[in-house]
Amino acid sequence: MTRFIRALACGALVSSLAACVVQQQQPAPPPPPNPHEAAVQRFNQVNGRIDNLSRRIDNRVNQGFYPPPQGGALHHRLDVVRQEARDMSAQHGGGLSGDEQRVLNQELDNAQHAIDQ
């Protein structure tokens, strides 16, 4: 009999706790960005990454990790990638497609690896 009362009390406790749980409604997702704005943002991200890598090259040359001619070669490599980004963005009204950004980021990954060696 006491087991029955305990089971009944536990059932009442669980049901009262379940009633306290209120499902929160998820906020509406933000509207999708304007495709042109997203393309321009991708272009700006690539340029920002090129700027950061360029500063890293300058710092490493100044700290003596490699000689200035090697730093110049690395800067030239970044300039080529920047020109590719400009050429690609000119075809899309100032922005990059996701695939173009991916290709440029792969080139920048390779350049970053060369900078860090």
N, C-alpha and C. Protein backbone atom coordinates (compact mmCIF):
# COMPACT_ATOMS: atom_id res chain seq x y z
N MET A 1 0.81 -1.19 0.00
CA MET A 1 0.00 0.00 0.00
C MET A 1 0.87 1.26 0.00
N THR A 2 1.95 1.25 0.80
CA THR A 2 2.81 2.43 0.84
C THR A 2 3.49 2.65 -0.50
N ARG A 3 3.79 1.54 -1.19
CA ARG A 3 4.38 1.70 -2.53
C ARG A 3 3.39 2.37 -3.47
N PHE A 4 2.15 2.00 -3.34
CA PHE A 4 1.12 2.62 -4.17
C PHE A 4 1.02 4.11 -3.88
N ILE A 5 1.07 4.50 -2.63
CA ILE A 5 0.98 5.91 -2.25
C ILE A 5 2.21 6.66 -2.74
N ARG A 6 3.38 6.04 -2.59
CA ARG A 6 4.60 6.67 -3.07
C ARG A 6 4.54 6.85 -4.59
N ALA A 7 4.10 5.83 -5.29
CA ALA A 7 4.00 5.91 -6.75
C ALA A 7 3.02 7.00 -7.15
N LEU A 8 1.93 7.07 -6.44
CA LEU A 8 0.93 8.11 -6.72
C LEU A 8 1.50 9.49 -6.44
N ALA A 9 2.24 9.65 -5.35
CA ALA A 9 2.85 10.94 -5.01
C ALA A 9 3.90 11.31 -6.04
N CYS A 10 4.71 10.35 -6.44
CA CYS A 10 5.72 10.63 -7.48
C CYS A 10 5.06 11.01 -8.79
N GLY A 11 3.99 10.33 -9.14
CA GLY A 11 3.27 10.67 -10.37
C GLY A 11 2.72 12.08 -10.31
N ALA A 12 2.18 12.45 -9.17
CA ALA A 12 1.66 13.80 -9.01
C ALA A 12 2.78 14.83 -9.10
N LEU A 13 3.93 14.52 -8.51
CA LEU A 13 5.08 15.43 -8.55
C LEU A 13 5.58 15.61 -9.97
N VAL A 14 5.71 14.50 -10.68
CA VAL A 14 6.20 14.56 -12.06
C VAL A 14 5.21 15.33 -12.94
N SER A 15 3.94 15.08 -12.77
CA SER A 15 2.96 15.79 -13.61
C SER A 15 2.95 17.28 -13.29
N SER A 16 3.15 17.65 -12.02
CA SER A 16 3.17 19.08 -11.70
C SER A 16 4.43 19.74 -12.25
N LEU A 17 5.55 19.01 -12.23
CA LEU A 17 6.77 19.55 -12.83
C LEU A 17 6.63 19.68 -14.34
N ALA A 18 5.99 18.71 -14.96
CA ALA A 18 5.79 18.77 -16.40
C ALA A 18 4.91 19.95 -16.77
N ALA A 19 3.98 20.30 -15.93
CA ALA A 19 3.11 21.44 -16.21
C ALA A 19 3.88 22.74 -16.11
N CYS A 20 4.96 22.75 -15.32
CA CYS A 20 5.75 23.98 -15.16
C CYS A 20 6.65 24.25 -16.34
N VAL A 21 6.96 23.21 -17.08
CA VAL A 21 7.84 23.39 -18.22
C VAL A 21 7.05 24.04 -19.35
N VAL A 22 7.52 25.18 -19.75
CA VAL A 22 6.84 25.92 -20.82
C VAL A 22 7.78 25.94 -22.02
N GLN A 23 7.27 25.56 -23.13
CA GLN A 23 8.09 25.60 -24.33
C GLN A 23 8.23 27.04 -24.78
N GLN A 24 9.49 27.43 -24.97
CA GLN A 24 9.74 28.77 -25.47
C GLN A 24 9.68 28.73 -26.99
N GLN A 25 9.07 29.75 -27.52
CA GLN A 25 9.04 29.83 -28.97
C GLN A 25 10.37 30.36 -29.45
N GLN A 26 10.86 29.75 -30.50
CA GLN A 26 12.11 30.19 -31.09
C GLN A 26 11.87 31.51 -31.81
N PRO A 27 12.82 32.46 -31.66
CA PRO A 27 12.65 33.70 -32.41
C PRO A 27 12.76 33.43 -33.90
N ALA A 28 12.11 34.25 -34.65
CA ALA A 28 12.14 34.08 -36.10
C ALA A 28 13.57 34.26 -36.59
N PRO A 29 14.01 33.42 -37.53
CA PRO A 29 15.38 33.59 -38.04
C PRO A 29 15.50 34.92 -38.78
N PRO A 30 16.69 35.49 -38.77
CA PRO A 30 16.85 36.77 -39.46
C PRO A 30 16.61 36.58 -40.96
N PRO A 31 16.15 37.60 -41.62
CA PRO A 31 15.91 37.47 -43.05
C PRO A 31 17.24 37.22 -43.77
N PRO A 32 17.20 36.49 -44.86
CA PRO A 32 18.44 36.22 -45.58
C PRO A 32 19.05 37.54 -46.08
N PRO A 33 20.38 37.65 -46.03
CA PRO A 33 20.99 38.90 -46.46
C PRO A 33 20.81 39.10 -47.95
N ASN A 34 20.90 40.33 -48.32
CA ASN A 34 20.85 40.69 -49.74
C ASN A 34 22.02 39.97 -50.42
N PRO A 35 21.79 39.25 -51.51
CA PRO A 35 22.87 38.50 -52.16
C PRO A 35 24.05 39.40 -52.56
N HIS A 36 23.77 40.61 -53.00
CA HIS A 36 24.86 41.51 -53.38
C HIS A 36 25.68 41.91 -52.15
N GLU A 37 24.99 42.19 -51.04
CA GLU A 37 25.69 42.55 -49.80
C GLU A 37 26.55 41.39 -49.32
N ALA A 38 26.04 40.18 -49.43
CA ALA A 38 26.81 39.00 -49.02
C ALA A 38 28.04 38.84 -49.90
N ALA A 39 27.91 39.09 -51.20
CA ALA A 39 29.04 38.98 -52.12
C ALA A 39 30.10 40.03 -51.80
N VAL A 40 29.66 41.24 -51.49
CA VAL A 40 30.60 42.31 -51.14
C VAL A 40 31.29 41.97 -49.81
N GLN A 41 30.54 41.40 -48.88
CA GLN A 41 31.12 41.02 -47.59
C GLN A 41 32.19 39.93 -47.79
N ARG A 42 31.95 38.98 -48.67
CA ARG A 42 32.95 37.95 -48.95
C ARG A 42 34.22 38.58 -49.53
N PHE A 43 34.05 39.55 -50.43
CA PHE A 43 35.21 40.26 -51.02
C PHE A 43 35.99 40.99 -49.93
N ASN A 44 35.28 41.66 -49.04
CA ASN A 44 35.94 42.39 -47.96
C ASN A 44 36.67 41.44 -47.01
N GLN A 45 36.10 40.26 -46.77
CA GLN A 45 36.77 39.28 -45.91
C GLN A 45 38.08 38.81 -46.52
N VAL A 46 38.07 38.56 -47.83
CA VAL A 46 39.30 38.13 -48.51
C VAL A 46 40.34 39.24 -48.44
N ASN A 47 39.93 40.49 -48.70
CA ASN A 47 40.88 41.61 -48.63
C ASN A 47 41.42 41.79 -47.21
N GLY A 48 40.58 41.62 -46.22
CA GLY A 48 41.03 41.73 -44.84
C GLY A 48 42.06 40.67 -44.50
N ARG A 49 41.84 39.48 -45.00
CA ARG A 49 42.80 38.40 -44.75
C ARG A 49 44.13 38.69 -45.45
N ILE A 50 44.07 39.23 -46.65
CA ILE A 50 45.30 39.60 -47.37
C ILE A 50 46.04 40.67 -46.59
N ASP A 51 45.33 41.67 -46.07
CA ASP A 51 45.96 42.73 -45.28
C ASP A 51 46.65 42.16 -44.04
N ASN A 52 45.97 41.24 -43.35
CA ASN A 52 46.56 40.62 -42.15
C ASN A 52 47.83 39.84 -42.49
N LEU A 53 47.79 39.08 -43.58
CA LEU A 53 48.96 38.31 -43.97
C LEU A 53 50.11 39.24 -44.37
N SER A 54 49.78 40.34 -45.01
CA SER A 54 50.80 41.31 -45.39
C SER A 54 51.50 41.88 -44.16
N ARG A 55 50.72 42.20 -43.12
CA ARG A 55 51.31 42.70 -41.87
C ARG A 55 52.19 41.63 -41.22
N ARG A 56 51.75 40.38 -41.29
CA ARG A 56 52.56 39.30 -40.72
C ARG A 56 53.89 39.17 -41.45
N ILE A 57 53.86 39.32 -42.77
CA ILE A 57 55.12 39.28 -43.54
C ILE A 57 56.04 40.39 -43.07
N ASP A 58 55.51 41.60 -42.96
CA ASP A 58 56.32 42.73 -42.52
C ASP A 58 56.92 42.48 -41.14
N ASN A 59 56.11 41.97 -40.22
CA ASN A 59 56.61 41.68 -38.87
C ASN A 59 57.71 40.64 -38.89
N ARG A 60 57.54 39.59 -39.70
CA ARG A 60 58.55 38.53 -39.73
C ARG A 60 59.84 39.00 -40.39
N VAL A 61 59.73 39.87 -41.38
CA VAL A 61 60.95 40.43 -41.98
C VAL A 61 61.64 41.33 -40.96
N ASN A 62 60.89 42.17 -40.27
CA ASN A 62 61.47 43.08 -39.27
C ASN A 62 62.12 42.32 -38.12
N GLN A 63 61.57 41.16 -37.78
CA GLN A 63 62.11 40.37 -36.68
C GLN A 63 63.26 39.46 -37.15
N GLY A 64 63.55 39.46 -38.45
CA GLY A 64 64.68 38.71 -38.96
C GLY A 64 64.40 37.24 -39.26
N PHE A 65 63.15 36.85 -39.33
CA PHE A 65 62.85 35.44 -39.63
C PHE A 65 63.25 35.07 -41.06
N TYR A 66 63.12 36.02 -41.98
CA TYR A 66 63.62 35.81 -43.32
C TYR A 66 64.02 37.16 -43.92
N PRO A 67 64.89 37.12 -44.97
CA PRO A 67 65.42 38.37 -45.53
C PRO A 67 64.37 39.13 -46.32
N PRO A 68 64.60 40.43 -46.52
CA PRO A 68 63.65 41.26 -47.27
C PRO A 68 63.29 40.73 -48.66
N PRO A 69 64.24 40.17 -49.43
CA PRO A 69 63.83 39.66 -50.75
C PRO A 69 62.77 38.55 -50.65
N GLN A 70 62.90 37.70 -49.64
CA GLN A 70 61.90 36.65 -49.47
C GLN A 70 60.56 37.27 -49.05
N GLY A 71 60.62 38.30 -48.22
CA GLY A 71 59.39 39.01 -47.84
C GLY A 71 58.75 39.66 -49.05
N GLY A 72 59.59 40.21 -49.95
CA GLY A 72 59.07 40.81 -51.18
C GLY A 72 58.38 39.78 -52.06
N ALA A 73 58.96 38.59 -52.12
CA ALA A 73 58.34 37.52 -52.92
C ALA A 73 56.99 37.12 -52.34
N LEU A 74 56.92 37.07 -51.00
CA LEU A 74 55.64 36.72 -50.36
C LEU A 74 54.61 37.83 -50.58
N HIS A 75 55.05 39.09 -50.51
CA HIS A 75 54.13 40.20 -50.79
C HIS A 75 53.62 40.12 -52.23
N HIS A 76 54.52 39.76 -53.15
CA HIS A 76 54.10 39.64 -54.54
C HIS A 76 53.03 38.56 -54.69
N ARG A 77 53.23 37.47 -53.97
CA ARG A 77 52.25 36.37 -53.99
C ARG A 77 50.88 36.87 -53.52
N LEU A 78 50.87 37.67 -52.46
CA LEU A 78 49.60 38.23 -51.97
C LEU A 78 49.01 39.23 -52.96
N ASP A 79 49.88 39.99 -53.62
CA ASP A 79 49.39 40.96 -54.62
C ASP A 79 48.70 40.24 -55.77
N VAL A 80 49.23 39.09 -56.16
CA VAL A 80 48.61 38.30 -57.24
C VAL A 80 47.22 37.83 -56.80
N VAL A 81 47.11 37.35 -55.56
CA VAL A 81 45.81 36.89 -55.06
C VAL A 81 44.84 38.07 -54.98
N ARG A 82 45.33 39.24 -54.52
CA ARG A 82 44.46 40.42 -54.44
C ARG A 82 43.95 40.82 -55.83
N GLN A 83 44.83 40.74 -56.84
CA GLN A 83 44.42 41.08 -58.19
C GLN A 83 43.39 40.07 -58.72
N GLU A 84 43.57 38.80 -58.39
CA GLU A 84 42.58 37.80 -58.78
C GLU A 84 41.22 38.11 -58.14
N ALA A 85 41.26 38.51 -56.88
CA ALA A 85 40.01 38.85 -56.18
C ALA A 85 39.34 40.05 -56.85
N ARG A 86 40.13 41.04 -57.22
CA ARG A 86 39.57 42.21 -57.90
C ARG A 86 38.96 41.82 -59.24
N ASP A 87 39.67 40.99 -59.99
CA ASP A 87 39.16 40.55 -61.29
C ASP A 87 37.85 39.79 -61.14
N MET A 88 37.80 38.90 -60.14
CA MET A 88 36.58 38.13 -59.92
C MET A 88 35.44 39.03 -59.47
N SER A 89 35.73 39.99 -58.61
CA SER A 89 34.67 40.85 -58.10
C SER A 89 34.16 41.80 -59.18
N ALA A 90 35.00 42.14 -60.13
CA ALA A 90 34.56 43.01 -61.22
C ALA A 90 33.49 42.34 -62.06
N GLN A 91 33.51 41.01 -62.09
CA GLN A 91 32.51 40.27 -62.86
C GLN A 91 31.17 40.20 -62.14
N HIS A 92 31.17 40.47 -60.83
CA HIS A 92 29.95 40.36 -60.04
C HIS A 92 29.53 41.67 -59.40
N GLY A 93 29.93 42.76 -59.97
CA GLY A 93 29.51 44.05 -59.44
C GLY A 93 30.11 44.39 -58.08
N GLY A 94 31.33 43.93 -57.83
CA GLY A 94 32.00 44.30 -56.59
C GLY A 94 32.02 43.24 -55.52
N GLY A 95 31.57 42.04 -55.80
CA GLY A 95 31.55 40.99 -54.78
C GLY A 95 32.08 39.68 -55.32
N LEU A 96 32.10 38.68 -54.45
CA LEU A 96 32.58 37.35 -54.81
C LEU A 96 31.51 36.31 -54.54
N SER A 97 31.48 35.29 -55.37
CA SER A 97 30.60 34.17 -55.09
C SER A 97 31.26 33.30 -54.01
N GLY A 98 30.50 32.41 -53.43
CA GLY A 98 31.04 31.53 -52.41
C GLY A 98 32.16 30.65 -52.94
N ASP A 99 32.01 30.15 -54.16
CA ASP A 99 33.04 29.31 -54.77
C ASP A 99 34.32 30.10 -55.02
N GLU A 100 34.18 31.34 -55.47
CA GLU A 100 35.35 32.17 -55.70
C GLU A 100 36.08 32.45 -54.39
N GLN A 101 35.32 32.74 -53.35
CA GLN A 101 35.93 32.99 -52.05
C GLN A 101 36.68 31.74 -51.57
N ARG A 102 36.09 30.58 -51.79
CA ARG A 102 36.72 29.33 -51.37
C ARG A 102 38.06 29.14 -52.09
N VAL A 103 38.09 29.40 -53.40
CA VAL A 103 39.33 29.25 -54.18
C VAL A 103 40.39 30.24 -53.68
N LEU A 104 39.98 31.48 -53.44
CA LEU A 104 40.93 32.48 -52.96
C LEU A 104 41.44 32.12 -51.57
N ASN A 105 40.57 31.62 -50.72
CA ASN A 105 41.00 31.23 -49.38
C ASN A 105 41.98 30.07 -49.43
N GLN A 106 41.81 29.16 -50.38
CA GLN A 106 42.77 28.07 -50.52
C GLN A 106 44.15 28.61 -50.90
N GLU A 107 44.16 29.58 -51.81
CA GLU A 107 45.43 30.21 -52.19
C GLU A 107 46.05 30.95 -51.00
N LEU A 108 45.21 31.60 -50.22
CA LEU A 108 45.71 32.31 -49.04
C LEU A 108 46.18 31.33 -47.96
N ASP A 109 45.55 30.17 -47.87
CA ASP A 109 46.02 29.14 -46.94
C ASP A 109 47.44 28.71 -47.31
N ASN A 110 47.67 28.53 -48.61
CA ASN A 110 49.01 28.14 -49.08
C ASN A 110 50.03 29.25 -48.79
N ALA A 111 49.61 30.49 -49.02
CA ALA A 111 50.51 31.63 -48.74
C ALA A 111 50.79 31.72 -47.24
N GLN A 112 49.78 31.49 -46.43
CA GLN A 112 49.97 31.54 -44.98
C GLN A 112 50.95 30.46 -44.53
N HIS A 113 50.84 29.31 -45.13
CA HIS A 113 51.78 28.22 -44.80
C HIS A 113 53.20 28.63 -45.14
N ALA A 114 53.39 29.29 -46.29
CA ALA A 114 54.72 29.75 -46.69
C ALA A 114 55.23 30.84 -45.74
N ILE A 115 54.34 31.68 -45.25
CA ILE A 115 54.73 32.77 -44.34
C ILE A 115 55.16 32.19 -43.00
N ASP A 116 54.47 31.17 -42.53
CA ASP A 116 54.75 30.60 -41.21
C ASP A 116 55.96 29.69 -41.18
N GLN A 117 56.52 29.35 -42.33
CA GLN A 117 57.68 28.45 -42.33
C GLN A 117 58.93 29.18 -41.91
